[in-house]
Amino acid sequence: MSAPNTAAGLWPAIDELWSRLEATREATGPDGVLLRILKLSEEVGEVAEAVIGATGQNPRKGVTHTWEDVQAELCDVAITALVALRTLTPQAREVFESQLRRVRERPLAPPA
């Protein structure tokens, strides 16, 4: 299994991860979907832990992470979110791209 080297490989990789996770998922139905979505909270917490560790904000622990660790954790958040979206709909790519278009079209400032 190799990582996609282009944006075009992203969605096949997400589908592959989703399939592997589905094959081993113990909780099914609505509970399984909720647990898949809640996994995002865990991953976001790991981003926060890495930022705190990279900046040495916990005086008891000091510097425990690098900014590369933060980058990796942010990637985990993105992957987890896309797999969760794929869990909700087989049209995850289309849903994501539609939402991305809407976000890109939003004005950056409030109306005058």
PDB file of N, CA and C in Angstrom:
ATOM      1  N   MET A   1       0.851  -1.166   0.000  1.00  0.00           N
ATOM      2  CA  MET A   1       0.000   0.000   0.000  1.00  0.00           C
ATOM      3  C   MET A   1       0.900   1.233   0.000  1.00  0.00           C
ATOM      4  N   SER A   2       0.766   2.072  -1.020  1.00  0.00           N
ATOM      5  CA  SER A   2       1.592   3.265  -1.097  1.00  0.00           C
ATOM      6  C   SER A   2       0.724   4.500  -0.975  1.00  0.00           C
ATOM      7  N   ALA A   3       1.334   5.577  -0.516  1.00  0.00           N
ATOM      8  CA  ALA A   3       0.613   6.838  -0.348  1.00  0.00           C
ATOM      9  C   ALA A   3       0.370   7.454  -1.715  1.00  0.00           C
ATOM     10  N   PRO A   4      -0.758   8.147  -1.881  1.00  0.00           N
ATOM     11  CA  PRO A   4      -0.992   8.811  -3.160  1.00  0.00           C
ATOM     12  C   PRO A   4       0.011   9.938  -3.347  1.00  0.00           C
ATOM     13  N   ASN A   5       0.522  10.083  -4.572  1.00  0.00           N
ATOM     14  CA  ASN A   5       1.506  11.137  -4.805  1.00  0.00           C
ATOM     15  C   ASN A   5       0.899  12.348  -5.497  1.00  0.00           C
ATOM     16  N   THR A   6      -0.391  12.319  -5.754  1.00  0.00           N
ATOM     17  CA  THR A   6      -1.074  13.468  -6.331  1.00  0.00           C
ATOM     18  C   THR A   6      -2.434  13.616  -5.668  1.00  0.00           C
ATOM     19  N   ALA A   7      -3.019  14.767  -5.853  1.00  0.00           N
ATOM     20  CA  ALA A   7      -4.363  14.988  -5.311  1.00  0.00           C
ATOM     21  C   ALA A   7      -5.350  13.994  -5.907  1.00  0.00           C
ATOM     22  N   ALA A   8      -5.114  13.554  -7.134  1.00  0.00           N
ATOM     23  CA  ALA A   8      -6.011  12.591  -7.768  1.00  0.00           C
ATOM     24  C   ALA A   8      -6.024  11.263  -7.019  1.00  0.00           C
ATOM     25  N   GLY A   9      -4.950  10.935  -6.321  1.00  0.00           N
ATOM     26  CA  GLY A   9      -4.877   9.692  -5.565  1.00  0.00           C
ATOM     27  C   GLY A   9      -5.506   9.776  -4.197  1.00  0.00           C
ATOM     28  N   LEU A  10      -5.924  10.961  -3.785  1.00  0.00           N
ATOM     29  CA  LEU A  10      -6.486  11.140  -2.448  1.00  0.00           C
ATOM     30  C   LEU A  10      -7.741  10.302  -2.247  1.00  0.00           C
ATOM     31  N   TRP A  11      -8.696  10.413  -3.141  1.00  0.00           N
ATOM     32  CA  TRP A  11      -9.985   9.758  -2.931  1.00  0.00           C
ATOM     33  C   TRP A  11      -9.902   8.242  -3.035  1.00  0.00           C
ATOM     34  N   PRO A  12      -9.115   7.685  -3.944  1.00  0.00           N
ATOM     35  CA  PRO A  12      -8.935   6.231  -3.900  1.00  0.00           C
ATOM     36  C   PRO A  12      -8.298   5.767  -2.582  1.00  0.00           C
ATOM     37  N   ALA A  13      -7.387   6.566  -2.048  1.00  0.00           N
ATOM     38  CA  ALA A  13      -6.765   6.217  -0.764  1.00  0.00           C
ATOM     39  C   ALA A  13      -7.785   6.291   0.364  1.00  0.00           C
ATOM     40  N   ILE A  14      -8.642   7.299   0.351  1.00  0.00           N
ATOM     41  CA  ILE A  14      -9.696   7.415   1.367  1.00  0.00           C
ATOM     42  C   ILE A  14     -10.651   6.237   1.257  1.00  0.00           C
ATOM     43  N   ASP A  15     -11.028   5.878   0.030  1.00  0.00           N
ATOM     44  CA  ASP A  15     -11.908   4.710  -0.158  1.00  0.00           C
ATOM     45  C   ASP A  15     -11.255   3.434   0.369  1.00  0.00           C
ATOM     46  N   GLU A  16      -9.965   3.291   0.125  1.00  0.00           N
ATOM     47  CA  GLU A  16      -9.246   2.106   0.612  1.00  0.00           C
ATOM     48  C   GLU A  16      -9.232   2.065   2.140  1.00  0.00           C
ATOM     49  N   LEU A  17      -8.910   3.191   2.761  1.00  0.00           N
ATOM     50  CA  LEU A  17      -8.914   3.245   4.229  1.00  0.00           C
ATOM     51  C   LEU A  17     -10.304   2.952   4.778  1.00  0.00           C
ATOM     52  N   TRP A  18     -11.318   3.555   4.169  1.00  0.00           N
ATOM     53  CA  TRP A  18     -12.693   3.332   4.601  1.00  0.00           C
ATOM     54  C   TRP A  18     -13.055   1.849   4.509  1.00  0.00           C
ATOM     55  N   SER A  19     -12.699   1.216   3.401  1.00  0.00           N
ATOM     56  CA  SER A  19     -12.999  -0.210   3.222  1.00  0.00           C
ATOM     57  C   SER A  19     -12.312  -1.058   4.283  1.00  0.00           C
ATOM     58  N   ARG A  20     -11.050  -0.759   4.557  1.00  0.00           N
ATOM     59  CA  ARG A  20     -10.321  -1.510   5.584  1.00  0.00           C
ATOM     60  C   ARG A  20     -10.952  -1.319   6.954  1.00  0.00           C
ATOM     61  N   LEU A  21     -11.335  -0.090   7.270  1.00  0.00           N
ATOM     62  CA  LEU A  21     -11.964   0.170   8.566  1.00  0.00           C
ATOM     63  C   LEU A  21     -13.340  -0.488   8.658  1.00  0.00           C
ATOM     64  N   GLU A  22     -14.089  -0.445   7.578  1.00  0.00           N
ATOM     65  CA  GLU A  22     -15.414  -1.065   7.571  1.00  0.00           C
ATOM     66  C   GLU A  22     -15.312  -2.568   7.799  1.00  0.00           C
ATOM     67  N   ALA A  23     -14.278  -3.183   7.248  1.00  0.00           N
ATOM     68  CA  ALA A  23     -14.119  -4.638   7.365  1.00  0.00           C
ATOM     69  C   ALA A  23     -13.845  -5.075   8.799  1.00  0.00           C
ATOM     70  N   THR A  24     -13.337  -4.168   9.617  1.00  0.00           N
ATOM     71  CA  THR A  24     -12.978  -4.532  10.997  1.00  0.00           C
ATOM     72  C   THR A  24     -13.825  -3.814  12.033  1.00  0.00           C
ATOM     73  N   ARG A  25     -14.800  -3.042  11.589  1.00  0.00           N
ATOM     74  CA  ARG A  25     -15.620  -2.243  12.512  1.00  0.00           C
ATOM     75  C   ARG A  25     -16.512  -3.151  13.347  1.00  0.00           C
ATOM     76  N   GLU A  26     -16.463  -2.956  14.665  1.00  0.00           N
ATOM     77  CA  GLU A  26     -17.303  -3.740  15.565  1.00  0.00           C
ATOM     78  C   GLU A  26     -18.675  -3.106  15.741  1.00  0.00           C
ATOM     79  N   ALA A  27     -18.716  -1.798  15.908  1.00  0.00           N
ATOM     80  CA  ALA A  27     -19.999  -1.097  16.066  1.00  0.00           C
ATOM     81  C   ALA A  27     -20.551  -0.787  14.681  1.00  0.00           C
ATOM     82  N   THR A  28     -21.808  -1.155  14.463  1.00  0.00           N
ATOM     83  CA  THR A  28     -22.421  -0.918  13.166  1.00  0.00           C
ATOM     84  C   THR A  28     -23.627   0.001  13.333  1.00  0.00           C
ATOM     85  N   GLY A  29     -24.240   0.327  12.227  1.00  0.00           N
ATOM     86  CA  GLY A  29     -25.425   1.175  12.263  1.00  0.00           C
ATOM     87  C   GLY A  29     -25.101   2.574  12.737  1.00  0.00           C
ATOM     88  N   PRO A  30     -26.103   3.258  13.296  1.00  0.00           N
ATOM     89  CA  PRO A  30     -25.901   4.635  13.746  1.00  0.00           C
ATOM     90  C   PRO A  30     -24.773   4.777  14.779  1.00  0.00           C
ATOM     91  N   ASP A  31     -24.627   3.797  15.670  1.00  0.00           N
ATOM     92  CA  ASP A  31     -23.553   3.882  16.667  1.00  0.00           C
ATOM     93  C   ASP A  31     -22.183   3.870  16.004  1.00  0.00           C
ATOM     94  N   GLY A  32     -22.024   3.041  14.998  1.00  0.00           N
ATOM     95  CA  GLY A  32     -20.751   2.987  14.286  1.00  0.00           C
ATOM     96  C   GLY A  32     -20.421   4.290  13.592  1.00  0.00           C
ATOM     97  N   VAL A  33     -21.443   4.904  13.005  1.00  0.00           N
ATOM     98  CA  VAL A  33     -21.240   6.199  12.332  1.00  0.00           C
ATOM     99  C   VAL A  33     -20.852   7.258  13.354  1.00  0.00           C
ATOM    100  N   LEU A  34     -21.565   7.298  14.469  1.00  0.00           N
ATOM    101  CA  LEU A  34     -21.238   8.287  15.507  1.00  0.00           C
ATOM    102  C   LEU A  34     -19.826   8.096  16.042  1.00  0.00           C
ATOM    103  N   LEU A  35     -19.431   6.860  16.266  1.00  0.00           N
ATOM    104  CA  LEU A  35     -18.077   6.607  16.763  1.00  0.00           C
ATOM    105  C   LEU A  35     -17.023   7.027  15.747  1.00  0.00           C
ATOM    106  N   ARG A  36     -17.310   6.813  14.473  1.00  0.00           N
ATOM    107  CA  ARG A  36     -16.376   7.224  13.423  1.00  0.00           C
ATOM    108  C   ARG A  36     -16.220   8.740  13.426  1.00  0.00           C
ATOM    109  N   ILE A  37     -17.326   9.458  13.618  1.00  0.00           N
ATOM    110  CA  ILE A  37     -17.279  10.919  13.655  1.00  0.00           C
ATOM    111  C   ILE A  37     -16.596  11.402  14.936  1.00  0.00           C
ATOM    112  N   LEU A  38     -16.874  10.750  16.061  1.00  0.00           N
ATOM    113  CA  LEU A  38     -16.245  11.147  17.326  1.00  0.00           C
ATOM    114  C   LEU A  38     -14.735  10.952  17.310  1.00  0.00           C
ATOM    115  N   LYS A  39     -14.244  10.080  16.458  1.00  0.00           N
ATOM    116  CA  LYS A  39     -12.795   9.878  16.329  1.00  0.00           C
ATOM    117  C   LYS A  39     -12.106  11.195  15.990  1.00  0.00           C
ATOM    118  N   LEU A  40     -12.832  12.091  15.336  1.00  0.00           N
ATOM    119  CA  LEU A  40     -12.273  13.412  15.025  1.00  0.00           C
ATOM    120  C   LEU A  40     -11.865  14.158  16.293  1.00  0.00           C
ATOM    121  N   SER A  41     -12.682  14.073  17.336  1.00  0.00           N
ATOM    122  CA  SER A  41     -12.357  14.757  18.592  1.00  0.00           C
ATOM    123  C   SER A  41     -11.044  14.249  19.162  1.00  0.00           C
ATOM    124  N   GLU A  42     -10.849  12.953  19.092  1.00  0.00           N
ATOM    125  CA  GLU A  42      -9.594  12.374  19.575  1.00  0.00           C
ATOM    126  C   GLU A  42      -8.413  12.921  18.783  1.00  0.00           C
ATOM    127  N   GLU A  43      -8.560  12.958  17.470  1.00  0.00           N
ATOM    128  CA  GLU A  43      -7.458  13.436  16.626  1.00  0.00           C
ATOM    129  C   GLU A  43      -7.171  14.921  16.859  1.00  0.00           C
ATOM    130  N   VAL A  44      -8.219  15.730  17.024  1.00  0.00           N
ATOM    131  CA  VAL A  44      -8.010  17.157  17.306  1.00  0.00           C
ATOM    132  C   VAL A  44      -7.298  17.327  18.642  1.00  0.00           C
ATOM    133  N   GLY A  45      -7.652  16.502  19.621  1.00  0.00           N
ATOM    134  CA  GLY A  45      -6.951  16.531  20.906  1.00  0.00           C
ATOM    135  C   GLY A  45      -5.476  16.226  20.748  1.00  0.00           C
ATOM    136  N   GLU A  46      -5.142  15.325  19.832  1.00  0.00           N
ATOM    137  CA  GLU A  46      -3.734  15.005  19.595  1.00  0.00           C
ATOM    138  C   GLU A  46      -3.000  16.172  18.941  1.00  0.00           C
ATOM    139  N   VAL A  47      -3.711  16.961  18.121  1.00  0.00           N
ATOM    140  CA  VAL A  47      -3.109  18.187  17.572  1.00  0.00           C
ATOM    141  C   VAL A  47      -2.796  19.142  18.714  1.00  0.00           C
ATOM    142  N   ALA A  48      -3.751  19.337  19.605  1.00  0.00           N
ATOM    143  CA  ALA A  48      -3.547  20.243  20.739  1.00  0.00           C
ATOM    144  C   ALA A  48      -2.377  19.761  21.600  1.00  0.00           C
ATOM    145  N   GLU A  49      -2.322  18.468  21.859  1.00  0.00           N
ATOM    146  CA  GLU A  49      -1.217  17.918  22.655  1.00  0.00           C
ATOM    147  C   GLU A  49       0.132  18.168  21.978  1.00  0.00           C
ATOM    148  N   ALA A  50       0.174  18.008  20.655  1.00  0.00           N
ATOM    149  CA  ALA A  50       1.420  18.236  19.930  1.00  0.00           C
ATOM    150  C   ALA A  50       1.824  19.709  19.945  1.00  0.00           C
ATOM    151  N   VAL A  51       0.849  20.619  19.812  1.00  0.00           N
ATOM    152  CA  VAL A  51       1.160  22.057  19.864  1.00  0.00           C
ATOM    153  C   VAL A  51       1.689  22.423  21.249  1.00  0.00           C
ATOM    154  N   ILE A  52       1.015  21.933  22.281  1.00  0.00           N
ATOM    155  CA  ILE A  52       1.482  22.195  23.650  1.00  0.00           C
ATOM    156  C   ILE A  52       2.885  21.629  23.839  1.00  0.00           C
ATOM    157  N   GLY A  53       3.113  20.441  23.312  1.00  0.00           N
ATOM    158  CA  GLY A  53       4.432  19.824  23.422  1.00  0.00           C
ATOM    159  C   GLY A  53       5.500  20.532  22.607  1.00  0.00           C
ATOM    160  N   ALA A  54       5.125  21.044  21.436  1.00  0.00           N
ATOM    161  CA  ALA A  54       6.094  21.745  20.582  1.00  0.00           C
ATOM    162  C   ALA A  54       6.477  23.105  21.147  1.00  0.00           C
ATOM    163  N   THR A  55       5.566  23.702  21.911  1.00  0.00           N
ATOM    164  CA  THR A  55       5.835  25.023  22.478  1.00  0.00           C
ATOM    165  C   THR A  55       6.292  24.947  23.932  1.00  0.00           C
ATOM    166  N   GLY A  56       6.326  23.740  24.485  1.00  0.00           N
ATOM    167  CA  GLY A  56       6.783  23.569  25.860  1.00  0.00           C
ATOM    168  C   GLY A  56       5.860  24.193  26.889  1.00  0.00           C
ATOM    169  N   GLN A  57       4.569  24.259  26.590  1.00  0.00           N
ATOM    170  CA  GLN A  57       3.630  24.942  27.476  1.00  0.00           C
ATOM    171  C   GLN A  57       3.267  24.164  28.739  1.00  0.00           C
ATOM    172  N   ASN A  58       3.628  22.903  28.806  1.00  0.00           N
ATOM    173  CA  ASN A  58       3.407  22.140  30.028  1.00  0.00           C
ATOM    174  C   ASN A  58       4.721  22.141  30.803  1.00  0.00           C
ATOM    175  N   PRO A  59       4.813  22.946  31.879  1.00  0.00           N
ATOM    176  CA  PRO A  59       6.098  23.071  32.583  1.00  0.00           C
ATOM    177  C   PRO A  59       6.565  21.751  33.190  1.00  0.00           C
ATOM    178  N   ARG A  60       5.656  20.854  33.440  1.00  0.00           N
ATOM    179  CA  ARG A  60       6.028  19.561  34.015  1.00  0.00           C
ATOM    180  C   ARG A  60       6.718  18.676  32.976  1.00  0.00           C
ATOM    181  N   LYS A  61       6.367  18.872  31.694  1.00  0.00           N
ATOM    182  CA  LYS A  61       6.913  18.007  30.644  1.00  0.00           C
ATOM    183  C   LYS A  61       7.942  18.691  29.759  1.00  0.00           C
ATOM    184  N   GLY A  62       7.828  20.009  29.600  1.00  0.00           N
ATOM    185  CA  GLY A  62       8.738  20.720  28.709  1.00  0.00           C
ATOM    186  C   GLY A  62       8.396  20.463  27.243  1.00  0.00           C
ATOM    187  N   VAL A  63       9.411  20.555  26.391  1.00  0.00           N
ATOM    188  CA  VAL A  63       9.213  20.339  24.950  1.00  0.00           C
ATOM    189  C   VAL A  63       9.228  18.839  24.686  1.00  0.00           C
ATOM    190  N   THR A  64       8.095  18.337  24.203  1.00  0.00           N
ATOM    191  CA  THR A  64       7.952  16.896  23.976  1.00  0.00           C
ATOM    192  C   THR A  64       7.626  16.556  22.529  1.00  0.00           C
ATOM    193  N   HIS A  65       7.317  17.560  21.713  1.00  0.00           N
ATOM    194  CA  HIS A  65       6.931  17.341  20.328  1.00  0.00           C
ATOM    195  C   HIS A  65       7.662  18.335  19.434  1.00  0.00           C
ATOM    196  N   THR A  66       7.602  18.084  18.130  1.00  0.00           N
ATOM    197  CA  THR A  66       8.150  18.999  17.129  1.00  0.00           C
ATOM    198  C   THR A  66       7.004  19.553  16.286  1.00  0.00           C
ATOM    199  N   TRP A  67       7.309  20.559  15.480  1.00  0.00           N
ATOM    200  CA  TRP A  67       6.289  21.083  14.575  1.00  0.00           C
ATOM    201  C   TRP A  67       5.968  20.064  13.487  1.00  0.00           C
ATOM    202  N   GLU A  68       6.902  19.170  13.215  1.00  0.00           N
ATOM    203  CA  GLU A  68       6.609  18.071  12.288  1.00  0.00           C
ATOM    204  C   GLU A  68       5.552  17.143  12.895  1.00  0.00           C
ATOM    205  N   ASP A  69       5.601  16.947  14.221  1.00  0.00           N
ATOM    206  CA  ASP A  69       4.560  16.164  14.891  1.00  0.00           C
ATOM    207  C   ASP A  69       3.200  16.842  14.725  1.00  0.00           C
ATOM    208  N   VAL A  70       3.182  18.168  14.843  1.00  0.00           N
ATOM    209  CA  VAL A  70       1.929  18.913  14.667  1.00  0.00           C
ATOM    210  C   VAL A  70       1.415  18.714  13.245  1.00  0.00           C
ATOM    211  N   GLN A  71       2.295  18.803  12.274  1.00  0.00           N
ATOM    212  CA  GLN A  71       1.895  18.587  10.883  1.00  0.00           C
ATOM    213  C   GLN A  71       1.280  17.198  10.698  1.00  0.00           C
ATOM    214  N   ALA A  72       1.921  16.188  11.250  1.00  0.00           N
ATOM    215  CA  ALA A  72       1.408  14.820  11.122  1.00  0.00           C
ATOM    216  C   ALA A  72       0.033  14.687  11.775  1.00  0.00           C
ATOM    217  N   GLU A  73      -0.137  15.305  12.925  1.00  0.00           N
ATOM    218  CA  GLU A  73      -1.432  15.223  13.609  1.00  0.00           C
ATOM    219  C   GLU A  73      -2.518  15.959  12.832  1.00  0.00           C
ATOM    220  N   LEU A  74      -2.165  17.088  12.208  1.00  0.00           N
ATOM    221  CA  LEU A  74      -3.140  17.792  11.371  1.00  0.00           C
ATOM    222  C   LEU A  74      -3.549  16.925  10.177  1.00  0.00           C
ATOM    223  N   CYS A  75      -2.595  16.219   9.610  1.00  0.00           N
ATOM    224  CA  CYS A  75      -2.919  15.298   8.515  1.00  0.00           C
ATOM    225  C   CYS A  75      -3.863  14.205   9.001  1.00  0.00           C
ATOM    226  N   ASP A  76      -3.614  13.692  10.206  1.00  0.00           N
ATOM    227  CA  ASP A  76      -4.508  12.672  10.766  1.00  0.00           C
ATOM    228  C   ASP A  76      -5.934  13.205  10.912  1.00  0.00           C
ATOM    229  N   VAL A  77      -6.063  14.473  11.305  1.00  0.00           N
ATOM    230  CA  VAL A  77      -7.393  15.086  11.417  1.00  0.00           C
ATOM    231  C   VAL A  77      -8.068  15.116  10.040  1.00  0.00           C
ATOM    232  N   ALA A  78      -7.335  15.561   9.032  1.00  0.00           N
ATOM    233  CA  ALA A  78      -7.903  15.657   7.688  1.00  0.00           C
ATOM    234  C   ALA A  78      -8.319  14.277   7.168  1.00  0.00           C
ATOM    235  N   ILE A  79      -7.463  13.291   7.342  1.00  0.00           N
ATOM    236  CA  ILE A  79      -7.772  11.935   6.885  1.00  0.00           C
ATOM    237  C   ILE A  79      -8.986  11.392   7.624  1.00  0.00           C
ATOM    238  N   THR A  80      -9.010  11.576   8.937  1.00  0.00           N
ATOM    239  CA  THR A  80     -10.135  11.076   9.741  1.00  0.00           C
ATOM    240  C   THR A  80     -11.437  11.740   9.318  1.00  0.00           C
ATOM    241  N   ALA A  81     -11.385  13.037   9.035  1.00  0.00           N
ATOM    242  CA  ALA A  81     -12.590  13.747   8.594  1.00  0.00           C
ATOM    243  C   ALA A  81     -13.073  13.220   7.251  1.00  0.00           C
ATOM    244  N   LEU A  82     -12.155  12.980   6.333  1.00  0.00           N
ATOM    245  CA  LEU A  82     -12.560  12.482   5.014  1.00  0.00           C
ATOM    246  C   LEU A  82     -13.098  11.061   5.092  1.00  0.00           C
ATOM    247  N   VAL A  83     -12.518  10.227   5.949  1.00  0.00           N
ATOM    248  CA  VAL A  83     -13.044   8.870   6.134  1.00  0.00           C
ATOM    249  C   VAL A  83     -14.431   8.935   6.782  1.00  0.00           C
ATOM    250  N   ALA A  84     -14.619   9.843   7.726  1.00  0.00           N
ATOM    251  CA  ALA A  84     -15.943  10.007   8.347  1.00  0.00           C
ATOM    252  C   ALA A  84     -16.966  10.457   7.308  1.00  0.00           C
ATOM    253  N   LEU A  85     -16.574  11.385   6.449  1.00  0.00           N
ATOM    254  CA  LEU A  85     -17.468  11.831   5.379  1.00  0.00           C
ATOM    255  C   LEU A  85     -17.804  10.665   4.456  1.00  0.00           C
ATOM    256  N   ARG A  86     -16.809   9.865   4.129  1.00  0.00           N
ATOM    257  CA  ARG A  86     -17.042   8.681   3.278  1.00  0.00           C
ATOM    258  C   ARG A  86     -17.979   7.687   3.965  1.00  0.00           C
ATOM    259  N   THR A  87     -17.946   7.636   5.281  1.00  0.00           N
ATOM    260  CA  THR A  87     -18.845   6.768   6.031  1.00  0.00           C
ATOM    261  C   THR A  87     -20.288   7.241   5.878  1.00  0.00           C
ATOM    262  N   LEU A  88     -20.469   8.533   5.781  1.00  0.00           N
ATOM    263  CA  LEU A  88     -21.818   9.090   5.642  1.00  0.00           C
ATOM    264  C   LEU A  88     -22.371   8.979   4.227  1.00  0.00           C
ATOM    265  N   THR A  89     -21.474   9.021   3.224  1.00  0.00           N
ATOM    266  CA  THR A  89     -21.951   9.001   1.846  1.00  0.00           C
ATOM    267  C   THR A  89     -20.894   8.433   0.905  1.00  0.00           C
ATOM    268  N   PRO A  90     -21.309   7.599  -0.031  1.00  0.00           N
ATOM    269  CA  PRO A  90     -20.358   7.127  -1.040  1.00  0.00           C
ATOM    270  C   PRO A  90     -19.945   8.250  -2.000  1.00  0.00           C
ATOM    271  N   GLN A  91     -20.690   9.351  -1.994  1.00  0.00           N
ATOM    272  CA  GLN A  91     -20.345  10.502  -2.842  1.00  0.00           C
ATOM    273  C   GLN A  91     -19.503  11.519  -2.069  1.00  0.00           C
ATOM    274  N   ALA A  92     -18.608  11.045  -1.228  1.00  0.00           N
ATOM    275  CA  ALA A  92     -17.810  11.936  -0.376  1.00  0.00           C
ATOM    276  C   ALA A  92     -17.029  12.965  -1.188  1.00  0.00           C
ATOM    277  N   ARG A  93     -16.434  12.524  -2.277  1.00  0.00           N
ATOM    278  CA  ARG A  93     -15.648  13.462  -3.095  1.00  0.00           C
ATOM    279  C   ARG A  93     -16.521  14.596  -3.613  1.00  0.00           C
ATOM    280  N   GLU A  94     -17.672  14.271  -4.150  1.00  0.00           N
ATOM    281  CA  GLU A  94     -18.555  15.292  -4.705  1.00  0.00           C
ATOM    282  C   GLU A  94     -19.057  16.232  -3.610  1.00  0.00           C
ATOM    283  N   VAL A  95     -19.428  15.682  -2.472  1.00  0.00           N
ATOM    284  CA  VAL A  95     -19.893  16.504  -1.350  1.00  0.00           C
ATOM    285  C   VAL A  95     -18.779  17.446  -0.897  1.00  0.00           C
ATOM    286  N   PHE A  96     -17.566  16.912  -0.750  1.00  0.00           N
ATOM    287  CA  PHE A  96     -16.436  17.728  -0.301  1.00  0.00           C
ATOM    288  C   PHE A  96     -16.129  18.837  -1.309  1.00  0.00           C
ATOM    289  N   GLU A  97     -16.064  18.483  -2.590  1.00  0.00           N
ATOM    290  CA  GLU A  97     -15.728  19.480  -3.603  1.00  0.00           C
ATOM    291  C   GLU A  97     -16.794  20.566  -3.699  1.00  0.00           C
ATOM    292  N   SER A  98     -18.053  20.195  -3.533  1.00  0.00           N
ATOM    293  CA  SER A  98     -19.137  21.178  -3.540  1.00  0.00           C
ATOM    294  C   SER A  98     -18.993  22.135  -2.351  1.00  0.00           C
ATOM    295  N   GLN A  99     -18.717  21.586  -1.196  1.00  0.00           N
ATOM    296  CA  GLN A  99     -18.534  22.429  -0.009  1.00  0.00           C
ATOM    297  C   GLN A  99     -17.298  23.314  -0.148  1.00  0.00           C
ATOM    298  N   LEU A 100     -16.237  22.773  -0.703  1.00  0.00           N
ATOM    299  CA  LEU A 100     -15.017  23.564  -0.916  1.00  0.00           C
ATOM    300  C   LEU A 100     -15.299  24.743  -1.844  1.00  0.00           C
ATOM    301  N   ARG A 101     -16.076  24.511  -2.898  1.00  0.00           N
ATOM    302  CA  ARG A 101     -16.445  25.619  -3.798  1.00  0.00           C
ATOM    303  C   ARG A 101     -17.209  26.689  -3.040  1.00  0.00           C
ATOM    304  N   ARG A 102     -18.184  26.267  -2.205  1.00  0.00           N
ATOM    305  CA  ARG A 102     -18.968  27.246  -1.433  1.00  0.00           C
ATOM    306  C   ARG A 102     -18.071  28.047  -0.495  1.00  0.00           C
ATOM    307  N   VAL A 103     -17.143  27.385   0.170  1.00  0.00           N
ATOM    308  CA  VAL A 103     -16.249  28.081   1.104  1.00  0.00           C
ATOM    309  C   VAL A 103     -15.351  29.049   0.352  1.00  0.00           C
ATOM    310  N   ARG A 104     -14.853  28.652  -0.800  1.00  0.00           N
ATOM    311  CA  ARG A 104     -13.967  29.526  -1.570  1.00  0.00           C
ATOM    312  C   ARG A 104     -14.702  30.749  -2.092  1.00  0.00           C
ATOM    313  N   GLU A 105     -16.004  30.638  -2.305  1.00  0.00           N
ATOM    314  CA  GLU A 105     -16.787  31.762  -2.829  1.00  0.00           C
ATOM    315  C   GLU A 105     -17.221  32.744  -1.745  1.00  0.00           C
ATOM    316  N   ARG A 106     -17.070  32.363  -0.485  1.00  0.00           N
ATOM    317  CA  ARG A 106     -17.470  33.264   0.606  1.00  0.00           C
ATOM    318  C   ARG A 106     -16.572  34.493   0.626  1.00  0.00           C
ATOM    319  N   PRO A 107     -17.167  35.637   0.908  1.00  0.00           N
ATOM    320  CA  PRO A 107     -16.332  36.839   1.064  1.00  0.00           C
ATOM    321  C   PRO A 107     -15.493  36.708   2.354  1.00  0.00           C
ATOM    322  N   LEU A 108     -14.316  37.288   2.337  1.00  0.00           N
ATOM    323  CA  LEU A 108     -13.438  37.238   3.495  1.00  0.00           C
ATOM    324  C   LEU A 108     -13.799  38.281   4.549  1.00  0.00           C
ATOM    325  N   ALA A 109     -14.509  39.312   4.131  1.00  0.00           N
ATOM    326  CA  ALA A 109     -14.885  40.381   5.067  1.00  0.00           C
ATOM    327  C   ALA A 109     -16.404  40.488   5.125  1.00  0.00           C
ATOM    328  N   PRO A 110     -16.931  40.973   6.252  1.00  0.00           N
ATOM    329  CA  PRO A 110     -18.382  41.187   6.301  1.00  0.00           C
ATOM    330  C   PRO A 110     -18.794  42.258   5.324  1.00  0.00           C
ATOM    331  N   PRO A 111     -20.051  42.212   4.884  1.00  0.00           N
ATOM    332  CA  PRO A 111     -20.510  43.247   3.941  1.00  0.00           C
ATOM    333  C   PRO A 111     -20.409  44.634   4.568  1.00  0.00           C
ATOM    334  N   ALA A 112     -20.092  45.609   3.741  1.00  0.00           N
ATOM    335  CA  ALA A 112     -19.938  46.980   4.225  1.00  0.00           C
ATOM    336  C   ALA A 112     -21.252  47.609   4.554  1.00  0.00           C
TER     337      ALA A 112
END
